Amino acid sequence: MVRWLSFRLRNGQSIGPERLREAWTWACQSPRSGVRREQLGEDHWVYALYGPELITCPRTAEQRMRGFLLEAGYIFTMGSLGRREAA
């Protein structure tokens, strides 16, 4: 699996693994997905989103995930790590 996206939530915010996996599975349109929470320093966490090597539309998956986080009231920063579609 490929790490497609990662994001950090504002201090004091968190999201459970089941809710995050459900959202990411919907966003990337693949049941072959995974999520992890990785610690950076003492109080900082990064959420990593994994999926198959080929996602039909990575930009759409990223937009869906951003929309989910915004609608749920999260304040976040997000970076993309996976392969990108040709422009």
C-alpha atoms as a PDB file:
ATOM      1  CA  MET A   1       0.000   0.000   0.000  1.00  0.00           C
ATOM      2  CA  VAL A   2       1.033   3.593  -0.665  1.00  0.00           C
ATOM      3  CA  ARG A   3       0.883   6.451   1.810  1.00  0.00           C
ATOM      4  CA  TRP A   4      -1.313   8.924  -0.071  1.00  0.00           C
ATOM      5  CA  LEU A   5      -2.039  11.650   2.453  1.00  0.00           C
ATOM      6  CA  SER A   6      -1.017  12.793   5.884  1.00  0.00           C
ATOM      7  CA  PHE A   7      -2.473  15.476   8.107  1.00  0.00           C
ATOM      8  CA  ARG A   8      -2.210  17.008  11.552  1.00  0.00           C
ATOM      9  CA  LEU A   9      -5.102  18.190  13.660  1.00  0.00           C
ATOM     10  CA  ARG A  10      -5.115  21.252  15.857  1.00  0.00           C
ATOM     11  CA  ASN A  11      -3.861  20.604  19.404  1.00  0.00           C
ATOM     12  CA  GLY A  12      -6.611  19.063  21.491  1.00  0.00           C
ATOM     13  CA  GLN A  13      -8.421  17.535  18.510  1.00  0.00           C
ATOM     14  CA  SER A  14      -8.351  13.850  17.620  1.00  0.00           C
ATOM     15  CA  ILE A  15     -10.235  11.367  15.478  1.00  0.00           C
ATOM     16  CA  GLY A  16     -10.765   7.694  16.204  1.00  0.00           C
ATOM     17  CA  PRO A  17      -9.315   5.052  13.881  1.00  0.00           C
ATOM     18  CA  GLU A  18     -12.692   3.573  12.905  1.00  0.00           C
ATOM     19  CA  ARG A  19     -14.184   6.926  11.927  1.00  0.00           C
ATOM     20  CA  LEU A  20     -11.020   7.900  10.066  1.00  0.00           C
ATOM     21  CA  ARG A  21     -10.821   4.601   8.182  1.00  0.00           C
ATOM     22  CA  GLU A  22     -14.491   4.828   7.209  1.00  0.00           C
ATOM     23  CA  ALA A  23     -13.985   8.365   5.876  1.00  0.00           C
ATOM     24  CA  TRP A  24     -10.798   7.462   3.992  1.00  0.00           C
ATOM     25  CA  THR A  25     -12.327   4.309   2.485  1.00  0.00           C
ATOM     26  CA  TRP A  26     -15.166   6.477   1.161  1.00  0.00           C
ATOM     27  CA  ALA A  27     -12.808   9.246  -0.013  1.00  0.00           C
ATOM     28  CA  CYS A  28     -10.433   6.974  -1.948  1.00  0.00           C
ATOM     29  CA  GLN A  29     -13.234   4.645  -3.108  1.00  0.00           C
ATOM     30  CA  SER A  30     -11.289   1.540  -2.139  1.00  0.00           C
ATOM     31  CA  PRO A  31     -11.854  -1.048   0.578  1.00  0.00           C
ATOM     32  CA  ARG A  32      -8.088  -1.669   0.443  1.00  0.00           C
ATOM     33  CA  SER A  33      -7.165   1.267   2.638  1.00  0.00           C
ATOM     34  CA  GLY A  34      -5.509   1.819   5.965  1.00  0.00           C
ATOM     35  CA  VAL A  35      -4.916   4.560   8.508  1.00  0.00           C
ATOM     36  CA  ARG A  36      -2.264   5.152  11.168  1.00  0.00           C
ATOM     37  CA  ARG A  37      -1.592   7.715  13.856  1.00  0.00           C
ATOM     38  CA  GLU A  38       2.104   8.427  14.304  1.00  0.00           C
ATOM     39  CA  GLN A  39       3.625  10.432  17.143  1.00  0.00           C
ATOM     40  CA  LEU A  40       5.887  13.383  16.366  1.00  0.00           C
ATOM     41  CA  GLY A  41       7.460  14.689  19.504  1.00  0.00           C
ATOM     42  CA  GLU A  42       5.686  14.733  22.836  1.00  0.00           C
ATOM     43  CA  ASP A  43       2.342  16.284  21.943  1.00  0.00           C
ATOM     44  CA  HIS A  44       2.100  16.104  18.157  1.00  0.00           C
ATOM     45  CA  TRP A  45       0.434  13.419  16.061  1.00  0.00           C
ATOM     46  CA  VAL A  46       0.285  12.833  12.314  1.00  0.00           C
ATOM     47  CA  TYR A  47      -2.514  10.840  10.738  1.00  0.00           C
ATOM     48  CA  ALA A  48      -1.360   8.821   7.718  1.00  0.00           C
ATOM     49  CA  LEU A  49      -3.762   7.518   5.055  1.00  0.00           C
ATOM     50  CA  TYR A  50      -2.804   4.519   2.930  1.00  0.00           C
ATOM     51  CA  GLY A  51      -4.374   2.986  -0.136  1.00  0.00           C
ATOM     52  CA  PRO A  52      -3.632   0.829  -3.162  1.00  0.00           C
ATOM     53  CA  GLU A  53      -0.872   1.889  -5.519  1.00  0.00           C
ATOM     54  CA  LEU A  54      -3.463   3.038  -8.047  1.00  0.00           C
ATOM     55  CA  ILE A  55      -6.337   5.208  -6.860  1.00  0.00           C
ATOM     56  CA  THR A  56      -8.721   6.140  -9.661  1.00  0.00           C
ATOM     57  CA  CYS A  57      -8.612   9.861  -8.916  1.00  0.00           C
ATOM     58  CA  PRO A  58      -6.179  10.965  -6.183  1.00  0.00           C
ATOM     59  CA  ARG A  59      -7.215  14.627  -6.376  1.00  0.00           C
ATOM     60  CA  THR A  60     -10.845  13.724  -5.810  1.00  0.00           C
ATOM     61  CA  ALA A  61      -9.890  11.502  -2.866  1.00  0.00           C
ATOM     62  CA  GLU A  62      -7.933  14.381  -1.323  1.00  0.00           C
ATOM     63  CA  GLN A  63     -10.813  16.821  -1.883  1.00  0.00           C
ATOM     64  CA  ARG A  64     -13.290  14.394  -0.328  1.00  0.00           C
ATOM     65  CA  MET A  65     -11.056  13.902   2.702  1.00  0.00           C
ATOM     66  CA  ARG A  66     -10.576  17.647   3.129  1.00  0.00           C
ATOM     67  CA  GLY A  67     -14.337  18.130   2.865  1.00  0.00           C
ATOM     68  CA  PHE A  68     -15.002  15.450   5.472  1.00  0.00           C
ATOM     69  CA  LEU A  69     -12.555  17.003   7.936  1.00  0.00           C
ATOM     70  CA  LEU A  70     -13.936  20.513   7.402  1.00  0.00           C
ATOM     71  CA  GLU A  71     -17.564  19.421   7.749  1.00  0.00           C
ATOM     72  CA  ALA A  72     -16.695  17.532  10.940  1.00  0.00           C
ATOM     73  CA  GLY A  73     -15.245  20.753  12.390  1.00  0.00           C
ATOM     74  CA  TYR A  74     -11.577  19.789  12.389  1.00  0.00           C
ATOM     75  CA  ILE A  75      -8.818  22.354  11.952  1.00  0.00           C
ATOM     76  CA  PHE A  76      -5.970  20.663  10.102  1.00  0.00           C
ATOM     77  CA  THR A  77      -2.951  20.890   7.845  1.00  0.00           C
ATOM     78  CA  MET A  78      -2.600  18.274   5.112  1.00  0.00           C
ATOM     79  CA  GLY A  79       0.211  17.121   2.870  1.00  0.00           C
ATOM     80  CA  SER A  80       0.152  14.736  -0.087  1.00  0.00           C
ATOM     81  CA  LEU A  81       2.766  12.011  -0.417  1.00  0.00           C
ATOM     82  CA  GLY A  82       1.408   9.556  -2.970  1.00  0.00           C
ATOM     83  CA  ARG A  83       1.650   9.561  -6.721  1.00  0.00           C
ATOM     84  CA  ARG A  84      -0.095  12.388  -8.528  1.00  0.00           C
ATOM     85  CA  GLU A  85      -2.140  12.383 -11.679  1.00  0.00           C
ATOM     86  CA  ALA A  86      -0.653  14.023 -14.729  1.00  0.00           C
ATOM     87  CA  ALA A  87      -1.785  17.654 -14.998  1.00  0.00           C
END
